[in-house]
Amino acid sequence: MTTARGILATGRGYNQRQAFDELMDVAKRQHVSVVSAARQLIDAVQGTTDYVPTEWVELVHRVQTAP
C-alpha cells in the first residue's frame, strides 16, 4: 500500500492522506478492497497487467513515460 500511495503522491502531487483517499475512492467504485486497488495500481505501473481502472489510465501512462 505504501508503494501505491507513493505512486499517487508523486504522479498527482498528493500528500499521503490524499493518496490514501484516492485509493479508498477507487476501491469503492471498483468494489474491491483497498489492498486490491493498491495492487492494481502497482501492477499497472509495472506493466504486469492489461487492466487499469479508468481513473488511473492517464496517471499510469505519465508514470511509465517519466524520465
N, C-alpha and C. Protein backbone atom coordinates (compact mmCIF):
# COMPACT_ATOMS: atom_id res chain seq x y z
N MET A 1 0.83 -1.20 0.00
CA MET A 1 0.00 0.00 0.00
C MET A 1 0.87 1.25 0.00
N THR A 2 2.02 1.18 0.64
CA THR A 2 2.93 2.33 0.68
C THR A 2 3.40 2.69 -0.72
N THR A 3 3.69 1.69 -1.52
CA THR A 3 4.14 1.94 -2.90
C THR A 3 3.05 2.62 -3.71
N ALA A 4 1.83 2.15 -3.58
CA ALA A 4 0.72 2.75 -4.32
C ALA A 4 0.50 4.20 -3.89
N ARG A 5 0.57 4.46 -2.59
CA ARG A 5 0.44 5.84 -2.12
C ARG A 5 1.57 6.70 -2.67
N GLY A 6 2.76 6.13 -2.75
CA GLY A 6 3.89 6.87 -3.31
C GLY A 6 3.69 7.19 -4.78
N ILE A 7 3.14 6.25 -5.53
CA ILE A 7 2.85 6.48 -6.94
C ILE A 7 1.85 7.63 -7.08
N LEU A 8 0.81 7.60 -6.29
CA LEU A 8 -0.20 8.65 -6.35
C LEU A 8 0.36 9.99 -5.88
N ALA A 9 1.16 9.96 -4.83
CA ALA A 9 1.74 11.21 -4.31
C ALA A 9 2.65 11.84 -5.35
N THR A 10 3.47 11.04 -5.98
CA THR A 10 4.39 11.56 -6.99
C THR A 10 3.66 11.94 -8.27
N GLY A 11 2.81 11.05 -8.74
CA GLY A 11 2.13 11.26 -10.02
C GLY A 11 1.08 12.34 -10.02
N ARG A 12 0.44 12.54 -8.88
CA ARG A 12 -0.63 13.53 -8.80
C ARG A 12 -0.27 14.73 -7.92
N GLY A 13 0.87 14.65 -7.24
CA GLY A 13 1.26 15.74 -6.35
C GLY A 13 0.48 15.74 -5.04
N TYR A 14 0.01 14.57 -4.64
CA TYR A 14 -0.78 14.45 -3.42
C TYR A 14 0.12 14.32 -2.20
N ASN A 15 -0.46 14.64 -1.03
CA ASN A 15 0.18 14.23 0.21
C ASN A 15 -0.30 12.79 0.48
N GLN A 16 0.25 12.18 1.52
CA GLN A 16 -0.07 10.77 1.79
C GLN A 16 -1.55 10.55 2.08
N ARG A 17 -2.20 11.48 2.75
CA ARG A 17 -3.62 11.35 3.07
C ARG A 17 -4.46 11.41 1.79
N GLN A 18 -4.16 12.35 0.92
CA GLN A 18 -4.89 12.46 -0.34
C GLN A 18 -4.71 11.20 -1.18
N ALA A 19 -3.50 10.66 -1.18
CA ALA A 19 -3.24 9.43 -1.94
C ALA A 19 -4.07 8.28 -1.38
N PHE A 20 -4.12 8.15 -0.07
CA PHE A 20 -4.93 7.10 0.54
C PHE A 20 -6.40 7.29 0.23
N ASP A 21 -6.86 8.54 0.28
CA ASP A 21 -8.26 8.82 -0.04
C ASP A 21 -8.60 8.39 -1.46
N GLU A 22 -7.69 8.63 -2.41
CA GLU A 22 -7.96 8.19 -3.79
C GLU A 22 -7.99 6.67 -3.88
N LEU A 23 -7.09 6.00 -3.18
CA LEU A 23 -7.14 4.54 -3.16
C LEU A 23 -8.48 4.05 -2.62
N MET A 24 -8.96 4.68 -1.56
CA MET A 24 -10.26 4.31 -0.99
C MET A 24 -11.38 4.54 -2.00
N ASP A 25 -11.38 5.68 -2.66
CA ASP A 25 -12.42 6.00 -3.63
C ASP A 25 -12.44 5.00 -4.78
N VAL A 26 -11.27 4.69 -5.31
CA VAL A 26 -11.20 3.74 -6.42
C VAL A 26 -11.64 2.35 -5.95
N ALA A 27 -11.22 1.96 -4.77
CA ALA A 27 -11.62 0.65 -4.22
C ALA A 27 -13.14 0.55 -4.13
N LYS A 28 -13.77 1.61 -3.65
CA LYS A 28 -15.23 1.61 -3.54
C LYS A 28 -15.89 1.50 -4.91
N ARG A 29 -15.42 2.29 -5.87
CA ARG A 29 -16.02 2.25 -7.21
C ARG A 29 -15.78 0.92 -7.92
N GLN A 30 -14.65 0.29 -7.66
CA GLN A 30 -14.32 -0.98 -8.30
C GLN A 30 -14.85 -2.19 -7.51
N HIS A 31 -15.40 -1.91 -6.32
CA HIS A 31 -15.92 -2.97 -5.43
C HIS A 31 -14.83 -3.98 -5.07
N VAL A 32 -13.67 -3.44 -4.70
CA VAL A 32 -12.56 -4.27 -4.25
C VAL A 32 -12.02 -3.67 -2.95
N SER A 33 -11.15 -4.42 -2.29
CA SER A 33 -10.53 -3.90 -1.07
C SER A 33 -9.50 -2.82 -1.43
N VAL A 34 -9.12 -2.04 -0.46
CA VAL A 34 -8.10 -1.01 -0.68
C VAL A 34 -6.78 -1.66 -1.08
N VAL A 35 -6.47 -2.79 -0.48
CA VAL A 35 -5.24 -3.50 -0.81
C VAL A 35 -5.29 -3.96 -2.27
N SER A 36 -6.44 -4.45 -2.72
CA SER A 36 -6.57 -4.86 -4.12
C SER A 36 -6.43 -3.68 -5.07
N ALA A 37 -7.01 -2.55 -4.71
CA ALA A 37 -6.88 -1.35 -5.54
C ALA A 37 -5.41 -0.93 -5.62
N ALA A 38 -4.72 -0.97 -4.49
CA ALA A 38 -3.30 -0.62 -4.47
C ALA A 38 -2.51 -1.57 -5.37
N ARG A 39 -2.82 -2.84 -5.29
CA ARG A 39 -2.13 -3.84 -6.13
C ARG A 39 -2.41 -3.59 -7.61
N GLN A 40 -3.65 -3.22 -7.94
CA GLN A 40 -4.00 -2.91 -9.33
C GLN A 40 -3.14 -1.77 -9.84
N LEU A 41 -2.98 -0.73 -9.04
CA LEU A 41 -2.19 0.42 -9.45
C LEU A 41 -0.72 0.03 -9.64
N ILE A 42 -0.18 -0.69 -8.70
CA ILE A 42 1.23 -1.11 -8.79
C ILE A 42 1.44 -1.99 -10.02
N ASP A 43 0.57 -2.98 -10.22
CA ASP A 43 0.68 -3.86 -11.38
C ASP A 43 0.57 -3.09 -12.69
N ALA A 44 -0.32 -2.12 -12.73
CA ALA A 44 -0.49 -1.32 -13.94
C ALA A 44 0.77 -0.51 -14.25
N VAL A 45 1.34 0.10 -13.23
CA VAL A 45 2.57 0.90 -13.42
C VAL A 45 3.73 0.00 -13.85
N GLN A 46 3.80 -1.19 -13.29
CA GLN A 46 4.88 -2.11 -13.63
C GLN A 46 4.65 -2.79 -14.97
N GLY A 47 3.45 -2.66 -15.52
CA GLY A 47 3.14 -3.26 -16.81
C GLY A 47 2.89 -4.76 -16.73
N THR A 48 2.52 -5.24 -15.56
CA THR A 48 2.28 -6.68 -15.41
C THR A 48 0.81 -7.06 -15.54
N THR A 49 -0.02 -6.10 -15.95
CA THR A 49 -1.44 -6.36 -16.17
C THR A 49 -1.94 -5.49 -17.31
N ASP A 50 -2.95 -5.96 -17.97
CA ASP A 50 -3.60 -5.16 -19.02
C ASP A 50 -4.73 -4.31 -18.46
N TYR A 51 -5.18 -4.65 -17.24
CA TYR A 51 -6.31 -3.94 -16.65
C TYR A 51 -5.83 -2.72 -15.88
N VAL A 52 -6.39 -1.58 -16.22
CA VAL A 52 -6.11 -0.33 -15.49
C VAL A 52 -7.45 0.36 -15.27
N PRO A 53 -7.82 0.59 -14.00
CA PRO A 53 -9.05 1.33 -13.76
C PRO A 53 -9.01 2.67 -14.50
N THR A 54 -10.13 3.09 -15.04
CA THR A 54 -10.17 4.31 -15.86
C THR A 54 -9.62 5.52 -15.13
N GLU A 55 -9.78 5.55 -13.81
CA GLU A 55 -9.28 6.68 -13.03
C GLU A 55 -7.77 6.82 -13.10
N TRP A 56 -7.09 5.72 -13.46
CA TRP A 56 -5.63 5.72 -13.40
C TRP A 56 -4.95 5.58 -14.76
N VAL A 57 -5.70 5.56 -15.85
CA VAL A 57 -5.09 5.37 -17.16
C VAL A 57 -4.06 6.47 -17.45
N GLU A 58 -4.46 7.72 -17.30
CA GLU A 58 -3.55 8.83 -17.57
C GLU A 58 -2.36 8.82 -16.60
N LEU A 59 -2.63 8.58 -15.33
CA LEU A 59 -1.57 8.53 -14.32
C LEU A 59 -0.55 7.44 -14.64
N VAL A 60 -1.03 6.26 -14.97
CA VAL A 60 -0.13 5.15 -15.30
C VAL A 60 0.72 5.50 -16.51
N HIS A 61 0.10 6.06 -17.52
CA HIS A 61 0.86 6.47 -18.72
C HIS A 61 1.94 7.49 -18.35
N ARG A 62 1.58 8.46 -17.56
CA ARG A 62 2.52 9.52 -17.15
C ARG A 62 3.69 8.94 -16.36
N VAL A 63 3.39 8.04 -15.43
CA VAL A 63 4.45 7.45 -14.59
C VAL A 63 5.35 6.56 -15.44
N GLN A 64 4.76 5.80 -16.35
CA GLN A 64 5.55 4.89 -17.18
C GLN A 64 6.46 5.63 -18.16
N THR A 65 6.06 6.81 -18.58
CA THR A 65 6.84 7.54 -19.57
C THR A 65 7.71 8.65 -18.95
N ALA A 66 7.69 8.75 -17.63
CA ALA A 66 8.50 9.79 -16.96
C ALA A 66 9.99 9.45 -17.11
N PRO A 67 10.80 10.47 -17.27
CA PRO A 67 12.25 10.22 -17.41
C PRO A 67 12.88 9.71 -16.13
